[in-house]
C-alpha atoms as a PDB file:
ATOM      1  CA  MET A   1       0.000   0.000   0.000  1.00  0.00           C
ATOM      2  CA  LYS A   2       2.873   2.382   0.795  1.00  0.00           C
ATOM      3  CA  LEU A   3       4.449   1.637  -2.594  1.00  0.00           C
ATOM      4  CA  PHE A   4       1.152   2.432  -4.330  1.00  0.00           C
ATOM      5  CA  ARG A   5       0.931   5.789  -2.524  1.00  0.00           C
ATOM      6  CA  PHE A   6       4.543   6.522  -3.411  1.00  0.00           C
ATOM      7  CA  VAL A   7       3.903   5.838  -7.129  1.00  0.00           C
ATOM      8  CA  ILE A   8       0.781   8.057  -7.109  1.00  0.00           C
ATOM      9  CA  ILE A   9       2.667  10.927  -5.408  1.00  0.00           C
ATOM     10  CA  LEU A  10       5.547  10.617  -7.916  1.00  0.00           C
ATOM     11  CA  PHE A  11       3.058  10.652 -10.797  1.00  0.00           C
ATOM     12  CA  LEU A  12       1.279  13.764  -9.453  1.00  0.00           C
ATOM     13  CA  ILE A  13       4.563  15.626  -8.872  1.00  0.00           C
ATOM     14  CA  THR A  14       5.649  14.876 -12.439  1.00  0.00           C
ATOM     15  CA  ILE A  15       2.332  16.153 -13.817  1.00  0.00           C
ATOM     16  CA  MET A  16       2.551  19.339 -11.722  1.00  0.00           C
ATOM     17  CA  LEU A  17       6.111  19.977 -12.894  1.00  0.00           C
ATOM     18  CA  GLY A  18       4.944  19.477 -16.458  1.00  0.00           C
ATOM     19  CA  GLN A  19       2.141  22.034 -16.074  1.00  0.00           C
ATOM     20  CA  ALA A  20       4.203  24.626 -14.175  1.00  0.00           C
ATOM     21  CA  SER A  21       5.683  26.218 -17.290  1.00  0.00           C
ATOM     22  CA  ALA A  22       3.939  28.110 -20.078  1.00  0.00           C
ATOM     23  CA  GLN A  23       5.854  26.164 -22.736  1.00  0.00           C
ATOM     24  CA  GLU A  24       4.182  23.368 -24.642  1.00  0.00           C
ATOM     25  CA  LYS A  25       4.847  20.042 -22.903  1.00  0.00           C
ATOM     26  CA  GLN A  26       4.659  16.411 -23.841  1.00  0.00           C
ATOM     27  CA  PHE A  27       4.201  13.838 -21.088  1.00  0.00           C
ATOM     28  CA  GLN A  28       5.189  10.166 -21.369  1.00  0.00           C
ATOM     29  CA  ALA A  29       4.663   7.337 -18.883  1.00  0.00           C
ATOM     30  CA  GLY A  30       5.668   3.708 -19.150  1.00  0.00           C
ATOM     31  CA  PHE A  31       7.887   0.833 -18.106  1.00  0.00           C
ATOM     32  CA  ARG A  32      11.637   0.205 -18.138  1.00  0.00           C
ATOM     33  CA  PHE A  33      12.956  -3.367 -18.414  1.00  0.00           C
ATOM     34  CA  GLY A  34      16.583  -4.204 -17.655  1.00  0.00           C
ATOM     35  CA  ALA A  35      19.030  -4.306 -14.754  1.00  0.00           C
ATOM     36  CA  THR A  36      16.957  -1.535 -13.174  1.00  0.00           C
ATOM     37  CA  THR A  37      13.336  -2.404 -13.894  1.00  0.00           C
ATOM     38  CA  GLY A  38      10.517  -0.062 -13.015  1.00  0.00           C
ATOM     39  CA  PHE A  39       8.074   2.695 -13.871  1.00  0.00           C
ATOM     40  CA  THR A  40       9.082   5.858 -15.681  1.00  0.00           C
ATOM     41  CA  GLY A  41       7.504   9.254 -16.283  1.00  0.00           C
ATOM     42  CA  ARG A  42       8.920  11.993 -18.470  1.00  0.00           C
ATOM     43  CA  SER A  43       7.952  15.582 -19.238  1.00  0.00           C
ATOM     44  CA  ILE A  44       9.477  17.033 -22.430  1.00  0.00           C
ATOM     45  CA  ASN A  45       9.240  20.761 -23.200  1.00  0.00           C
ATOM     46  CA  SER A  46       9.285  22.425 -26.622  1.00  0.00           C
ATOM     47  CA  ASP A  47      13.051  23.086 -26.344  1.00  0.00           C
ATOM     48  CA  MET A  48      13.588  19.288 -26.216  1.00  0.00           C
ATOM     49  CA  TRP A  49      14.722  19.239 -22.569  1.00  0.00           C
ATOM     50  CA  ALA A  50      13.111  16.603 -20.372  1.00  0.00           C
ATOM     51  CA  LEU A  51      12.703  15.786 -16.694  1.00  0.00           C
ATOM     52  CA  GLU A  52      12.430  12.051 -16.117  1.00  0.00           C
ATOM     53  CA  GLY A  53      11.495  10.266 -12.925  1.00  0.00           C
ATOM     54  CA  ILE A  54      12.035   6.536 -12.498  1.00  0.00           C
ATOM     55  CA  LEU A  55      10.829   4.290  -9.707  1.00  0.00           C
ATOM     56  CA  GLY A  56      13.313   1.455 -10.190  1.00  0.00           C
ATOM     57  CA  PHE A  57      13.818  -1.934  -8.604  1.00  0.00           C
ATOM     58  CA  ARG A  58      17.213  -3.684  -8.425  1.00  0.00           C
ATOM     59  CA  ASN A  59      19.385  -5.582  -5.927  1.00  0.00           C
ATOM     60  CA  GLY A  60      16.410  -6.466  -3.774  1.00  0.00           C
ATOM     61  CA  GLY A  61      15.454  -2.832  -3.193  1.00  0.00           C
ATOM     62  CA  ALA A  62      13.758   0.232  -4.685  1.00  0.00           C
ATOM     63  CA  GLN A  63      15.208   3.547  -5.812  1.00  0.00           C
ATOM     64  CA  LEU A  64      13.825   6.862  -6.980  1.00  0.00           C
ATOM     65  CA  TYR A  65      15.724   8.490  -9.872  1.00  0.00           C
ATOM     66  CA  GLY A  66      15.557  12.065 -11.126  1.00  0.00           C
ATOM     67  CA  LEU A  67      17.188  12.767 -14.499  1.00  0.00           C
ATOM     68  CA  LEU A  68      17.583  15.860 -16.696  1.00  0.00           C
ATOM     69  CA  GLU A  69      17.837  14.939 -20.390  1.00  0.00           C
ATOM     70  CA  LYS A  70      18.475  16.685 -23.700  1.00  0.00           C
ATOM     71  CA  HIS A  71      16.625  15.178 -26.681  1.00  0.00           C
ATOM     72  CA  THR A  72      17.931  15.536 -30.236  1.00  0.00           C
ATOM     73  CA  ARG A  73      16.036  14.507 -33.367  1.00  0.00           C
ATOM     74  CA  LEU A  74      18.050  12.210 -35.636  1.00  0.00           C
ATOM     75  CA  GLU A  75      17.463  12.901 -39.318  1.00  0.00           C
ATOM     76  CA  PHE A  76      17.467   9.686 -41.316  1.00  0.00           C
ATOM     77  CA  PRO A  77      16.580   9.621 -45.052  1.00  0.00           C
ATOM     78  CA  ARG A  78      13.083   8.124 -44.666  1.00  0.00           C
ATOM     79  CA  THR A  79      12.092   9.042 -41.123  1.00  0.00           C
ATOM     80  CA  ASP A  80      12.534  11.742 -38.534  1.00  0.00           C
ATOM     81  CA  ARG A  81      10.944   9.781 -35.674  1.00  0.00           C
ATOM     82  CA  PHE A  82      14.228   8.682 -33.993  1.00  0.00           C
ATOM     83  CA  PHE A  83      15.526  10.657 -31.016  1.00  0.00           C
ATOM     84  CA  LEU A  84      18.831  10.514 -29.178  1.00  0.00           C
ATOM     85  CA  TYR A  85      18.790  11.627 -25.552  1.00  0.00           C
ATOM     86  CA  TYR A  86      21.520  12.089 -22.981  1.00  0.00           C
ATOM     87  CA  GLY A  87      21.867  13.603 -19.546  1.00  0.00           C
ATOM     88  CA  GLY A  88      22.320  12.839 -15.890  1.00  0.00           C
ATOM     89  CA  GLY A  89      20.881  13.036 -12.434  1.00  0.00           C
ATOM     90  CA  ALA A  90      20.786  11.334  -9.060  1.00  0.00           C
ATOM     91  CA  HIS A  91      19.018   8.593  -7.151  1.00  0.00           C
ATOM     92  CA  ILE A  92      18.146   7.605  -3.602  1.00  0.00           C
ATOM     93  CA  GLY A  93      16.549   4.481  -2.184  1.00  0.00           C
ATOM     94  CA  PHE A  94      17.582   1.233  -0.566  1.00  0.00           C
ATOM     95  CA  VAL A  95      19.395  -1.871  -1.816  1.00  0.00           C
ATOM     96  CA  GLY A  96      20.469  -5.270  -0.538  1.00  0.00           C
ATOM     97  CA  TRP A  97      23.992  -6.603  -0.620  1.00  0.00           C
ATOM     98  CA  HIS A  98      25.750  -9.926  -0.140  1.00  0.00           C
ATOM     99  CA  LYS A  99      27.833 -11.006   2.790  1.00  0.00           C
ATOM    100  CA  TYR A 100      30.638 -13.522   2.317  1.00  0.00           C
ATOM    101  CA  TYR A 101      31.349 -16.033   5.039  1.00  0.00           C
ATOM    102  CA  ASP A 102      34.808 -17.625   5.036  1.00  0.00           C
ATOM    103  CA  SER A 103      35.372 -21.198   6.209  1.00  0.00           C
ATOM    104  CA  ASP A 104      38.223 -20.051   8.464  1.00  0.00           C
ATOM    105  CA  TYR A 105      35.619 -18.439  10.710  1.00  0.00           C
ATOM    106  CA  TYR A 106      32.628 -20.658   9.980  1.00  0.00           C
ATOM    107  CA  SER A 107      33.467 -24.333   9.895  1.00  0.00           C
ATOM    108  CA  HIS A 108      30.557 -25.512   7.754  1.00  0.00           C
ATOM    109  CA  ARG A 109      31.558 -23.928   4.346  1.00  0.00           C
ATOM    110  CA  ASN A 110      32.277 -20.836   2.277  1.00  0.00           C
ATOM    111  CA  TYR A 111      29.170 -19.196   0.887  1.00  0.00           C
ATOM    112  CA  TRP A 112      27.493 -15.968  -0.164  1.00  0.00           C
ATOM    113  CA  ASP A 113      24.233 -14.945   1.470  1.00  0.00           C
ATOM    114  CA  ARG A 114      21.581 -13.592  -0.884  1.00  0.00           C
ATOM    115  CA  TYR A 115      20.862  -9.964   0.170  1.00  0.00           C
ATOM    116  CA  THR A 116      21.344 -10.490   3.875  1.00  0.00           C
ATOM    117  CA  ASN A 117      21.867  -6.785   4.487  1.00  0.00           C
ATOM    118  CA  TYR A 118      19.729  -3.835   3.397  1.00  0.00           C
ATOM    119  CA  GLY A 119      20.422  -0.150   3.630  1.00  0.00           C
ATOM    120  CA  VAL A 120      20.106   3.301   2.152  1.00  0.00           C
ATOM    121  CA  ALA A 121      21.718   3.929  -1.231  1.00  0.00           C
ATOM    122  CA  PHE A 122      22.312   7.225  -3.012  1.00  0.00           C
ATOM    123  CA  GLY A 123      24.364   8.165  -6.019  1.00  0.00           C
ATOM    124  CA  ILE A 124      24.734   9.875  -9.375  1.00  0.00           C
ATOM    125  CA  ASP A 125      23.560   8.610 -12.749  1.00  0.00           C
ATOM    126  CA  GLY A 126      24.168   9.242 -16.417  1.00  0.00           C
ATOM    127  CA  ILE A 127      21.878   8.288 -19.272  1.00  0.00           C
ATOM    128  CA  LEU A 128      22.288   7.808 -23.022  1.00  0.00           C
ATOM    129  CA  GLY A 129      19.401   6.462 -25.069  1.00  0.00           C
ATOM    130  CA  LEU A 130      17.775   6.055 -28.458  1.00  0.00           C
ATOM    131  CA  GLU A 131      14.018   5.978 -28.986  1.00  0.00           C
ATOM    132  CA  TYR A 132      11.498   5.746 -31.780  1.00  0.00           C
ATOM    133  CA  ARG A 133       8.212   7.664 -31.524  1.00  0.00           C
ATOM    134  CA  PHE A 134       5.473   6.151 -33.636  1.00  0.00           C
ATOM    135  CA  GLU A 135       3.409   8.556 -35.710  1.00  0.00           C
ATOM    136  CA  ALA A 136       0.132   6.616 -35.944  1.00  0.00           C
ATOM    137  CA  VAL A 137      -0.102   5.631 -32.262  1.00  0.00           C
ATOM    138  CA  PRO A 138       1.118   7.501 -29.157  1.00  0.00           C
ATOM    139  CA  ILE A 139       3.718   4.860 -28.272  1.00  0.00           C
ATOM    140  CA  THR A 140       7.484   5.277 -27.857  1.00  0.00           C
ATOM    141  CA  LEU A 141       9.957   2.374 -27.876  1.00  0.00           C
ATOM    142  CA  GLY A 142      13.494   2.909 -26.655  1.00  0.00           C
ATOM    143  CA  VAL A 143      16.756   1.487 -25.397  1.00  0.00           C
ATOM    144  CA  ASP A 144      19.104   3.199 -23.001  1.00  0.00           C
ATOM    145  CA  PHE A 145      22.340   2.887 -21.100  1.00  0.00           C
ATOM    146  CA  LYS A 146      22.302   4.275 -17.537  1.00  0.00           C
ATOM    147  CA  PRO A 147      25.627   3.922 -15.701  1.00  0.00           C
ATOM    148  CA  PHE A 148      25.675   4.891 -12.034  1.00  0.00           C
ATOM    149  CA  PHE A 149      27.928   5.365  -9.034  1.00  0.00           C
ATOM    150  CA  GLU A 150      26.445   4.912  -5.574  1.00  0.00           C
ATOM    151  CA  PHE A 151      27.210   4.718  -1.892  1.00  0.00           C
ATOM    152  CA  TYR A 152      25.303   2.127   0.136  1.00  0.00           C
ATOM    153  CA  GLY A 153      25.444   0.480   3.507  1.00  0.00           C
ATOM    154  CA  PRO A 154      27.881   1.684   6.131  1.00  0.00           C
ATOM    155  CA  PHE A 155      31.029   2.095   3.985  1.00  0.00           C
ATOM    156  CA  TYR A 156      30.385   0.536   0.586  1.00  0.00           C
ATOM    157  CA  PHE A 157      30.241   1.960  -2.928  1.00  0.00           C
ATOM    158  CA  ARG A 158      29.642   0.484  -6.350  1.00  0.00           C
ATOM    159  CA  VAL A 159      30.015   1.538  -9.959  1.00  0.00           C
ATOM    160  CA  ASN A 160      27.806  -0.100 -12.571  1.00  0.00           C
ATOM    161  CA  PHE A 161      28.522   0.499 -16.260  1.00  0.00           C
ATOM    162  CA  TRP A 162      26.153  -2.246 -17.428  1.00  0.00           C
ATOM    163  CA  ASP A 163      22.669  -0.932 -16.653  1.00  0.00           C
ATOM    164  CA  PHE A 164      21.132  -1.357 -20.108  1.00  0.00           C
ATOM    165  CA  SER A 165      17.385  -1.415 -20.611  1.00  0.00           C
ATOM    166  CA  GLY A 166      14.535  -1.388 -23.057  1.00  0.00           C
ATOM    167  CA  GLY A 167      11.378   0.556 -22.497  1.00  0.00           C
ATOM    168  CA  ILE A 168       7.924   1.351 -23.727  1.00  0.00           C
ATOM    169  CA  ARG A 169       6.082   4.605 -23.014  1.00  0.00           C
ATOM    170  CA  TYR A 170       2.673   6.012 -23.759  1.00  0.00           C
ATOM    171  CA  THR A 171       2.552   9.686 -24.827  1.00  0.00           C
ATOM    172  CA  PHE A 172      -0.236  11.858 -23.407  1.00  0.00           C
END
């Protein structure tokens, strides 16, 4: 129930940010599938700058991402419906991490626990993506690459250069 309220509040904040300016806006909402899977909402203004919010799930936890993106139309000979976007932002949430037990201290065996510890995670993100916006239907298909650096747990950090995803969004 708390997750449902959180998603509704994120959705309403994104809509309010989209309506706060006098510029013409385009709003997209959809799903992201990959290492970080989740829900995404994006508000694009007429200058092709976008604010994107992602409620993502990875490593046994949930994170909230805020990204600022620049969209550029790619001109191909037969279509102008491809867009390249790039940018960056930050995230906060919680994740799980493994704990390794060595047989020198535990006589039964060496093993990794599956997400035995959970804690707060925060970090910075980049994003680079390519999407196709259909003309006949208000659907956008895309792929992106979202590397991140984060701090988590008491004294841990991680860098992930392999957060690739595919996504589908509906344009309002």
